[in-house]
């Protein structure tokens, strides 16, 4: 199996605090991200998402929030089939 690493930088017309607040609330992703078809929580830190886009199949992702640091604006989610780290900062890189 081949491993892939993806890196993205997005510039958004919102403060870093607002972006963090929205992204830290996975239960509401389907309200603003149309490819997220369903979000189910298992407990305070874990759950699953059904994701579907142009490819005619649904990807089911199970995840557990490992780190949530609102001061540093840092989220780490371990999930199957992948893991993600999200750092949210100002354009200056702070």
PDB file of N, CA and C in Angstrom:
ATOM      1  N   UNK A   1       0.848  -1.179   0.000  1.00  0.00           N
ATOM      2  CA  UNK A   1       0.000   0.000   0.000  1.00  0.00           C
ATOM      3  C   UNK A   1       0.892   1.239   0.000  1.00  0.00           C
ATOM      4  N   UNK A   2       0.517   2.229  -0.746  1.00  0.00           N
ATOM      5  CA  UNK A   2       1.253   3.483  -0.836  1.00  0.00           C
ATOM      6  C   UNK A   2       0.739   4.471   0.202  1.00  0.00           C
ATOM      7  N   UNK A   3       1.653   5.153   0.873  1.00  0.00           N
ATOM      8  CA  UNK A   3       1.286   6.210   1.809  1.00  0.00           C
ATOM      9  C   UNK A   3       1.363   7.550   1.103  1.00  0.00           C
ATOM     10  N   UNK A   4       0.444   8.435   1.444  1.00  0.00           N
ATOM     11  CA  UNK A   4       0.427   9.778   0.885  1.00  0.00           C
ATOM     12  C   UNK A   4       0.407  10.790   2.022  1.00  0.00           C
ATOM     13  N   UNK A   5       1.105  11.883   1.856  1.00  0.00           N
ATOM     14  CA  UNK A   5       1.054  13.003   2.786  1.00  0.00           C
ATOM     15  C   UNK A   5       0.546  14.214   2.022  1.00  0.00           C
ATOM     16  N   UNK A   6      -0.428  14.898   2.592  1.00  0.00           N
ATOM     17  CA  UNK A   6      -0.989  16.085   1.970  1.00  0.00           C
ATOM     18  C   UNK A   6      -0.755  17.280   2.882  1.00  0.00           C
ATOM     19  N   UNK A   7      -0.472  18.394   2.280  1.00  0.00           N
ATOM     20  CA  UNK A   7      -0.261  19.638   3.014  1.00  0.00           C
ATOM     21  C   UNK A   7      -1.022  20.728   2.276  1.00  0.00           C
ATOM     22  N   UNK A   8      -1.839  21.458   2.987  1.00  0.00           N
ATOM     23  CA  UNK A   8      -2.614  22.541   2.387  1.00  0.00           C
ATOM     24  C   UNK A   8      -2.501  23.795   3.242  1.00  0.00           C
ATOM     25  N   UNK A   9      -2.491  24.935   2.588  1.00  0.00           N
ATOM     26  CA  UNK A   9      -2.547  26.219   3.272  1.00  0.00           C
ATOM     27  C   UNK A   9      -3.718  26.982   2.672  1.00  0.00           C
ATOM     28  N   UNK A  10      -4.650  27.354   3.504  1.00  0.00           N
ATOM     29  CA  UNK A  10      -5.826  28.103   3.054  1.00  0.00           C
ATOM     30  C   UNK A  10      -5.802  29.475   3.704  1.00  0.00           C
ATOM     31  N   UNK A  11      -6.162  30.495   2.953  1.00  0.00           N
ATOM     32  CA  UNK A  11      -6.351  31.832   3.489  1.00  0.00           C
ATOM     33  C   UNK A  11      -7.852  32.109   3.491  1.00  0.00           C
ATOM     34  N   UNK A  12      -8.389  32.410   4.650  1.00  0.00           N
ATOM     35  CA  UNK A  12      -9.833  32.596   4.796  1.00  0.00           C
ATOM     36  C   UNK A  12     -10.141  33.998   5.307  1.00  0.00           C
ATOM     37  N   UNK A  13     -11.295  34.543   4.900  1.00  0.00           N
ATOM     38  CA  UNK A  13     -11.677  35.882   5.350  1.00  0.00           C
ATOM     39  C   UNK A  13     -12.326  35.847   6.742  1.00  0.00           C
ATOM     40  N   UNK A  14     -11.603  35.295   7.706  1.00  0.00           N
ATOM     41  CA  UNK A  14     -12.111  35.205   9.076  1.00  0.00           C
ATOM     42  C   UNK A  14     -10.910  35.173  10.019  1.00  0.00           C
ATOM     43  N   UNK A  15     -11.157  35.497  11.266  1.00  0.00           N
ATOM     44  CA  UNK A  15     -10.066  35.458  12.238  1.00  0.00           C
ATOM     45  C   UNK A  15      -9.668  34.009  12.510  1.00  0.00           C
ATOM     46  N   UNK A  16      -8.435  33.833  12.958  1.00  0.00           N
ATOM     47  CA  UNK A  16      -7.957  32.487  13.290  1.00  0.00           C
ATOM     48  C   UNK A  16      -8.800  31.881  14.416  1.00  0.00           C
ATOM     49  N   UNK A  17      -9.233  32.674  15.368  1.00  0.00           N
ATOM     50  CA  UNK A  17     -10.067  32.155  16.449  1.00  0.00           C
ATOM     51  C   UNK A  17     -11.399  31.638  15.922  1.00  0.00           C
ATOM     52  N   UNK A  18     -11.997  32.370  14.998  1.00  0.00           N
ATOM     53  CA  UNK A  18     -13.287  31.941  14.420  1.00  0.00           C
ATOM     54  C   UNK A  18     -13.120  30.661  13.608  1.00  0.00           C
ATOM     55  N   UNK A  19     -12.058  30.583  12.824  1.00  0.00           N
ATOM     56  CA  UNK A  19     -11.797  29.381  12.029  1.00  0.00           C
ATOM     57  C   UNK A  19     -11.602  28.179  12.949  1.00  0.00           C
ATOM     58  N   UNK A  20     -10.831  28.348  13.997  1.00  0.00           N
ATOM     59  CA  UNK A  20     -10.628  27.260  14.953  1.00  0.00           C
ATOM     60  C   UNK A  20     -11.960  26.812  15.558  1.00  0.00           C
ATOM     61  N   UNK A  21     -12.775  27.763  15.998  1.00  0.00           N
ATOM     62  CA  UNK A  21     -14.062  27.422  16.612  1.00  0.00           C
ATOM     63  C   UNK A  21     -14.939  26.596  15.674  1.00  0.00           C
ATOM     64  N   UNK A  22     -14.966  26.967  14.403  1.00  0.00           N
ATOM     65  CA  UNK A  22     -15.785  26.238  13.423  1.00  0.00           C
ATOM     66  C   UNK A  22     -15.216  24.842  13.183  1.00  0.00           C
ATOM     67  N   UNK A  23     -13.903  24.745  12.988  1.00  0.00           N
ATOM     68  CA  UNK A  23     -13.298  23.451  12.686  1.00  0.00           C
ATOM     69  C   UNK A  23     -13.248  22.521  13.893  1.00  0.00           C
ATOM     70  N   UNK A  24     -13.240  23.062  15.093  1.00  0.00           N
ATOM     71  CA  UNK A  24     -13.235  22.223  16.288  1.00  0.00           C
ATOM     72  C   UNK A  24     -14.598  21.592  16.539  1.00  0.00           C
ATOM     73  N   UNK A  25     -15.637  22.074  15.877  1.00  0.00           N
ATOM     74  CA  UNK A  25     -16.999  21.583  16.076  1.00  0.00           C
ATOM     75  C   UNK A  25     -17.390  20.647  14.921  1.00  0.00           C
ATOM     76  N   UNK A  26     -16.829  19.450  14.930  1.00  0.00           N
ATOM     77  CA  UNK A  26     -17.061  18.499  13.834  1.00  0.00           C
ATOM     78  C   UNK A  26     -18.524  18.115  13.679  1.00  0.00           C
ATOM     79  N   UNK A  27     -19.284  18.165  14.744  1.00  0.00           N
ATOM     80  CA  UNK A  27     -20.696  17.794  14.676  1.00  0.00           C
ATOM     81  C   UNK A  27     -21.484  18.681  13.717  1.00  0.00           C
ATOM     82  N   UNK A  28     -20.968  19.868  13.419  1.00  0.00           N
ATOM     83  CA  UNK A  28     -21.691  20.796  12.544  1.00  0.00           C
ATOM     84  C   UNK A  28     -21.094  20.894  11.143  1.00  0.00           C
ATOM     85  N   UNK A  29     -20.096  20.071  10.814  1.00  0.00           N
ATOM     86  CA  UNK A  29     -19.465  20.132   9.487  1.00  0.00           C
ATOM     87  C   UNK A  29     -20.471  20.047   8.351  1.00  0.00           C
ATOM     88  N   UNK A  30     -21.448  19.170   8.472  1.00  0.00           N
ATOM     89  CA  UNK A  30     -22.391  18.973   7.355  1.00  0.00           C
ATOM     90  C   UNK A  30     -23.227  20.222   7.081  1.00  0.00           C
ATOM     91  N   UNK A  31     -23.257  21.184   7.984  1.00  0.00           N
ATOM     92  CA  UNK A  31     -24.012  22.417   7.760  1.00  0.00           C
ATOM     93  C   UNK A  31     -23.308  23.354   6.793  1.00  0.00           C
ATOM     94  N   UNK A  32     -21.974  23.238   6.649  1.00  0.00           N
ATOM     95  CA  UNK A  32     -21.236  24.136   5.760  1.00  0.00           C
ATOM     96  C   UNK A  32     -20.360  23.394   4.755  1.00  0.00           C
ATOM     97  N   UNK A  33     -20.226  22.091   4.881  1.00  0.00           N
ATOM     98  CA  UNK A  33     -19.393  21.297   3.988  1.00  0.00           C
ATOM     99  C   UNK A  33     -20.286  20.254   3.326  1.00  0.00           C
ATOM    100  N   UNK A  34     -20.755  20.497   2.112  1.00  0.00           N
ATOM    101  CA  UNK A  34     -21.783  19.638   1.502  1.00  0.00           C
ATOM    102  C   UNK A  34     -21.359  18.186   1.289  1.00  0.00           C
ATOM    103  N   UNK A  35     -20.073  17.897   1.198  1.00  0.00           N
ATOM    104  CA  UNK A  35     -19.639  16.524   0.992  1.00  0.00           C
ATOM    105  C   UNK A  35     -19.729  15.683   2.276  1.00  0.00           C
ATOM    106  N   UNK A  36     -19.858  16.321   3.418  1.00  0.00           N
ATOM    107  CA  UNK A  36     -20.062  15.595   4.673  1.00  0.00           C
ATOM    108  C   UNK A  36     -21.547  15.279   4.746  1.00  0.00           C
ATOM    109  N   UNK A  37     -21.879  14.022   4.563  1.00  0.00           N
ATOM    110  CA  UNK A  37     -23.287  13.626   4.501  1.00  0.00           C
ATOM    111  C   UNK A  37     -23.884  13.332   5.869  1.00  0.00           C
ATOM    112  N   UNK A  38     -23.032  12.852   6.803  1.00  0.00           N
ATOM    113  CA  UNK A  38     -23.554  12.501   8.121  1.00  0.00           C
ATOM    114  C   UNK A  38     -22.414  12.537   9.128  1.00  0.00           C
ATOM    115  N   UNK A  39     -22.704  13.024  10.324  1.00  0.00           N
ATOM    116  CA  UNK A  39     -21.753  13.013  11.432  1.00  0.00           C
ATOM    117  C   UNK A  39     -22.455  12.364  12.611  1.00  0.00           C
ATOM    118  N   UNK A  40     -21.781  11.387  13.213  1.00  0.00           N
ATOM    119  CA  UNK A  40     -22.327  10.731  14.403  1.00  0.00           C
ATOM    120  C   UNK A  40     -21.265  10.740  15.490  1.00  0.00           C
ATOM    121  N   UNK A  41     -21.646  11.132  16.687  1.00  0.00           N
ATOM    122  CA  UNK A  41     -20.703  11.098  17.799  1.00  0.00           C
ATOM    123  C   UNK A  41     -20.866   9.789  18.550  1.00  0.00           C
ATOM    124  N   UNK A  42     -19.731   9.247  18.990  1.00  0.00           N
ATOM    125  CA  UNK A  42     -19.737   8.031  19.803  1.00  0.00           C
ATOM    126  C   UNK A  42     -19.624   8.379  21.278  1.00  0.00           C
ATOM    127  N   UNK A  43     -18.793   9.376  21.568  1.00  0.00           N
ATOM    128  CA  UNK A  43     -18.623   9.883  22.923  1.00  0.00           C
ATOM    129  C   UNK A  43     -18.091  11.306  22.811  1.00  0.00           C
ATOM    130  N   UNK A  44     -17.592  11.853  23.893  1.00  0.00           N
ATOM    131  CA  UNK A  44     -17.140  13.246  23.924  1.00  0.00           C
ATOM    132  C   UNK A  44     -16.000  13.532  22.945  1.00  0.00           C
ATOM    133  N   UNK A  45     -15.204  12.528  22.623  1.00  0.00           N
ATOM    134  CA  UNK A  45     -14.006  12.744  21.810  1.00  0.00           C
ATOM    135  C   UNK A  45     -13.971  11.954  20.505  1.00  0.00           C
ATOM    136  N   UNK A  46     -14.976  11.158  20.200  1.00  0.00           N
ATOM    137  CA  UNK A  46     -14.884  10.326  18.997  1.00  0.00           C
ATOM    138  C   UNK A  46     -16.222  10.219  18.281  1.00  0.00           C
ATOM    139  N   UNK A  47     -16.120   9.804  17.014  1.00  0.00           N
ATOM    140  CA  UNK A  47     -17.317   9.644  16.209  1.00  0.00           C
ATOM    141  C   UNK A  47     -16.969   9.225  14.798  1.00  0.00           C
ATOM    142  N   UNK A  48     -17.931   9.383  13.898  1.00  0.00           N
ATOM    143  CA  UNK A  48     -17.721   9.005  12.506  1.00  0.00           C
ATOM    144  C   UNK A  48     -18.374  10.016  11.576  1.00  0.00           C
ATOM    145  N   UNK A  49     -17.874  10.039  10.330  1.00  0.00           N
ATOM    146  CA  UNK A  49     -18.428  10.894   9.282  1.00  0.00           C
ATOM    147  C   UNK A  49     -18.593  10.073   8.023  1.00  0.00           C
ATOM    148  N   UNK A  50     -19.676  10.325   7.314  1.00  0.00           N
ATOM    149  CA  UNK A  50     -19.862   9.782   5.976  1.00  0.00           C
ATOM    150  C   UNK A  50     -19.573  10.909   5.004  1.00  0.00           C
ATOM    151  N   UNK A  51     -18.637  10.655   4.075  1.00  0.00           N
ATOM    152  CA  UNK A  51     -18.196  11.681   3.136  1.00  0.00           C
ATOM    153  C   UNK A  51     -18.430  11.170   1.728  1.00  0.00           C
ATOM    154  N   UNK A  52     -19.039  12.005   0.888  1.00  0.00           N
ATOM    155  CA  UNK A  52     -19.289  11.625  -0.498  1.00  0.00           C
ATOM    156  C   UNK A  52     -19.116  12.849  -1.372  1.00  0.00           C
ATOM    157  N   UNK A  53     -18.438  12.661  -2.502  1.00  0.00           N
ATOM    158  CA  UNK A  53     -18.210  13.765  -3.425  1.00  0.00           C
ATOM    159  C   UNK A  53     -18.532  13.302  -4.833  1.00  0.00           C
ATOM    160  N   UNK A  54     -17.680  13.632  -5.795  1.00  0.00           N
ATOM    161  CA  UNK A  54     -17.951  13.308  -7.194  1.00  0.00           C
ATOM    162  C   UNK A  54     -17.842  11.809  -7.481  1.00  0.00           C
ATOM    163  N   UNK A  55     -16.980  11.118  -6.750  1.00  0.00           N
ATOM    164  CA  UNK A  55     -16.840   9.677  -6.943  1.00  0.00           C
ATOM    165  C   UNK A  55     -18.064   8.997  -6.336  1.00  0.00           C
ATOM    166  N   UNK A  56     -18.687   8.070  -7.051  1.00  0.00           N
ATOM    167  CA  UNK A  56     -19.945   7.481  -6.560  1.00  0.00           C
ATOM    168  C   UNK A  56     -19.740   6.425  -5.467  1.00  0.00           C
ATOM    169  N   UNK A  57     -19.111   6.823  -4.391  1.00  0.00           N
ATOM    170  CA  UNK A  57     -18.999   5.958  -3.225  1.00  0.00           C
ATOM    171  C   UNK A  57     -18.928   6.831  -1.992  1.00  0.00           C
ATOM    172  N   UNK A  58     -19.279   6.258  -0.864  1.00  0.00           N
ATOM    173  CA  UNK A  58     -19.265   6.990   0.393  1.00  0.00           C
ATOM    174  C   UNK A  58     -18.114   6.483   1.243  1.00  0.00           C
ATOM    175  N   UNK A  59     -17.297   7.397   1.718  1.00  0.00           N
ATOM    176  CA  UNK A  59     -16.178   7.081   2.586  1.00  0.00           C
ATOM    177  C   UNK A  59     -16.642   7.256   4.028  1.00  0.00           C
ATOM    178  N   UNK A  60     -16.494   6.212   4.811  1.00  0.00           N
ATOM    179  CA  UNK A  60     -16.851   6.278   6.222  1.00  0.00           C
ATOM    180  C   UNK A  60     -15.562   6.421   7.020  1.00  0.00           C
ATOM    181  N   UNK A  61     -15.448   7.506   7.786  1.00  0.00           N
ATOM    182  CA  UNK A  61     -14.245   7.813   8.555  1.00  0.00           C
ATOM    183  C   UNK A  61     -14.598   7.774  10.037  1.00  0.00           C
ATOM    184  N   UNK A  62     -13.798   7.044  10.789  1.00  0.00           N
ATOM    185  CA  UNK A  62     -13.937   6.987  12.238  1.00  0.00           C
ATOM    186  C   UNK A  62     -12.787   7.782  12.844  1.00  0.00           C
ATOM    187  N   UNK A  63     -13.075   8.655  13.796  1.00  0.00           N
ATOM    188  CA  UNK A  63     -12.013   9.477  14.351  1.00  0.00           C
ATOM    189  C   UNK A  63     -12.131   9.680  15.842  1.00  0.00           C
ATOM    190  N   UNK A  64     -10.989  10.002  16.436  1.00  0.00           N
ATOM    191  CA  UNK A  64     -10.920  10.338  17.854  1.00  0.00           C
ATOM    192  C   UNK A  64     -10.042  11.571  18.014  1.00  0.00           C
ATOM    193  N   UNK A  65     -10.585  12.591  18.643  1.00  0.00           N
ATOM    194  CA  UNK A  65      -9.835  13.823  18.903  1.00  0.00           C
ATOM    195  C   UNK A  65      -8.810  13.535  19.992  1.00  0.00           C
ATOM    196  N   UNK A  66      -7.542  13.670  19.643  1.00  0.00           N
ATOM    197  CA  UNK A  66      -6.457  13.405  20.582  1.00  0.00           C
ATOM    198  C   UNK A  66      -5.996  14.672  21.290  1.00  0.00           C
ATOM    199  N   UNK A  67      -5.962  15.793  20.548  1.00  0.00           N
ATOM    200  CA  UNK A  67      -5.514  17.064  21.118  1.00  0.00           C
ATOM    201  C   UNK A  67      -6.472  18.154  20.659  1.00  0.00           C
ATOM    202  N   UNK A  68      -6.894  18.980  21.594  1.00  0.00           N
ATOM    203  CA  UNK A  68      -7.698  20.163  21.277  1.00  0.00           C
ATOM    204  C   UNK A  68      -7.171  21.293  22.153  1.00  0.00           C
ATOM    205  N   UNK A  69      -6.410  22.190  21.539  1.00  0.00           N
ATOM    206  CA  UNK A  69      -5.787  23.299  22.273  1.00  0.00           C
ATOM    207  C   UNK A  69      -6.255  24.607  21.635  1.00  0.00           C
ATOM    208  N   UNK A  70      -7.267  25.224  22.240  1.00  0.00           N
ATOM    209  CA  UNK A  70      -7.837  26.441  21.655  1.00  0.00           C
ATOM    210  C   UNK A  70      -6.891  27.636  21.771  1.00  0.00           C
ATOM    211  N   UNK A  71      -6.004  27.656  22.745  1.00  0.00           N
ATOM    212  CA  UNK A  71      -5.046  28.755  22.883  1.00  0.00           C
ATOM    213  C   UNK A  71      -4.035  28.712  21.743  1.00  0.00           C
ATOM    214  N   UNK A  72      -3.492  27.542  21.479  1.00  0.00           N
ATOM    215  CA  UNK A  72      -2.520  27.377  20.383  1.00  0.00           C
ATOM    216  C   UNK A  72      -3.210  27.182  19.036  1.00  0.00           C
ATOM    217  N   UNK A  73      -4.543  27.041  19.052  1.00  0.00           N
ATOM    218  CA  UNK A  73      -5.334  26.761  17.838  1.00  0.00           C
ATOM    219  C   UNK A  73      -4.791  25.517  17.139  1.00  0.00           C
ATOM    220  N   UNK A  74      -4.758  24.422  17.878  1.00  0.00           N
ATOM    221  CA  UNK A  74      -4.174  23.178  17.394  1.00  0.00           C
ATOM    222  C   UNK A  74      -5.160  22.037  17.645  1.00  0.00           C
ATOM    223  N   UNK A  75      -5.470  21.294  16.589  1.00  0.00           N
ATOM    224  CA  UNK A  75      -6.321  20.108  16.691  1.00  0.00           C
ATOM    225  C   UNK A  75      -5.555  18.917  16.129  1.00  0.00           C
ATOM    226  N   UNK A  76      -5.651  17.789  16.805  1.00  0.00           N
ATOM    227  CA  UNK A  76      -5.091  16.557  16.256  1.00  0.00           C
ATOM    228  C   UNK A  76      -6.159  15.482  16.359  1.00  0.00           C
ATOM    229  N   UNK A  77      -6.443  14.853  15.222  1.00  0.00           N
ATOM    230  CA  UNK A  77      -7.443  13.804  15.162  1.00  0.00           C
ATOM    231  C   UNK A  77      -6.791  12.556  14.600  1.00  0.00           C
ATOM    232  N   UNK A  78      -6.897  11.456  15.340  1.00  0.00           N
ATOM    233  CA  UNK A  78      -6.473  10.167  14.821  1.00  0.00           C
ATOM    234  C   UNK A  78      -7.712   9.485  14.278  1.00  0.00           C
ATOM    235  N   UNK A  79      -7.634   9.074  13.027  1.00  0.00           N
ATOM    236  CA  UNK A  79      -8.813   8.493  12.404  1.00  0.00           C
ATOM    237  C   UNK A  79      -8.421   7.364  11.471  1.00  0.00           C
ATOM    238  N   UNK A  80      -9.404   6.587  11.114  1.00  0.00           N
ATOM    239  CA  UNK A  80      -9.259   5.537  10.120  1.00  0.00           C
ATOM    240  C   UNK A  80     -10.123   5.984   8.957  1.00  0.00           C
ATOM    241  N   UNK A  81      -9.605   6.186   7.768  1.00  0.00           N
ATOM    242  CA  UNK A  81      -8.355   5.660   7.257  1.00  0.00           C
ATOM    243  C   UNK A  81      -7.165   6.615   7.300  1.00  0.00           C
ATOM    244  N   UNK A  82      -7.220   7.754   7.932  1.00  0.00           N
ATOM    245  CA  UNK A  82      -6.055   8.641   7.981  1.00  0.00           C
ATOM    246  C   UNK A  82      -6.054   9.424   9.286  1.00  0.00           C
ATOM    247  N   UNK A  83      -4.952  10.150   9.532  1.00  0.00           N
ATOM    248  CA  UNK A  83      -4.854  11.026  10.694  1.00  0.00           C
ATOM    249  C   UNK A  83      -4.660  12.451  10.217  1.00  0.00           C
ATOM    250  N   UNK A  84      -5.030  13.393  11.019  1.00  0.00           N
ATOM    251  CA  UNK A  84      -4.884  14.782  10.619  1.00  0.00           C
ATOM    252  C   UNK A  84      -4.431  15.663  11.753  1.00  0.00           C
ATOM    253  N   UNK A  85      -3.648  16.648  11.395  1.00  0.00           N
ATOM    254  CA  UNK A  85      -3.225  17.680  12.333  1.00  0.00           C
ATOM    255  C   UNK A  85      -3.609  19.009  11.719  1.00  0.00           C
ATOM    256  N   UNK A  86      -4.221  19.861  12.491  1.00  0.00           N
ATOM    257  CA  UNK A  86      -4.670  21.150  11.993  1.00  0.00           C
ATOM    258  C   UNK A  86      -4.098  22.233  12.880  1.00  0.00           C
ATOM    259  N   UNK A  87      -3.309  23.110  12.289  1.00  0.00           N
ATOM    260  CA  UNK A  87      -2.779  24.275  12.995  1.00  0.00           C
ATOM    261  C   UNK A  87      -3.384  25.508  12.326  1.00  0.00           C
ATOM    262  N   UNK A  88      -3.950  26.364  13.114  1.00  0.00           N
ATOM    263  CA  UNK A  88      -4.602  27.554  12.588  1.00  0.00           C
ATOM    264  C   UNK A  88      -3.856  28.760  13.102  1.00  0.00           C
ATOM    265  N   UNK A  89      -3.349  29.594  12.189  1.00  0.00           N
ATOM    266  CA  UNK A  89      -2.600  30.754  12.605  1.00  0.00           C
ATOM    267  C   UNK A  89      -2.899  31.959  11.755  1.00  0.00           C
ATOM    268  N   UNK A  90      -2.372  33.058  12.171  1.00  0.00           N
ATOM    269  CA  UNK A  90      -2.523  34.301  11.421  1.00  0.00           C
ATOM    270  C   UNK A  90      -1.622  34.251  10.200  1.00  0.00           C
ATOM    271  N   UNK A  91      -1.867  35.079   9.183  1.00  0.00           N
ATOM    272  CA  UNK A  91      -1.035  35.082   7.980  1.00  0.00           C
ATOM    273  C   UNK A  91       0.447  35.262   8.264  1.00  0.00           C
ATOM    274  N   UNK A  92       0.807  35.899   9.349  1.00  0.00           N
ATOM    275  CA  UNK A  92       2.215  36.093   9.682  1.00  0.00           C
ATOM    276  C   UNK A  92       2.883  34.786  10.096  1.00  0.00           C
ATOM    277  N   UNK A  93       2.087  33.732  10.281  1.00  0.00           N
ATOM    278  CA  UNK A  93       2.634  32.450  10.674  1.00  0.00           C
ATOM    279  C   UNK A  93       2.626  32.209  12.163  1.00  0.00           C
ATOM    280  N   UNK A  94       2.056  33.119  12.924  1.00  0.00           N
ATOM    281  CA  UNK A  94       2.054  32.942  14.371  1.00  0.00           C
ATOM    282  C   UNK A  94       1.013  31.931  14.809  1.00  0.00           C
TER     283      UNK A  94
END
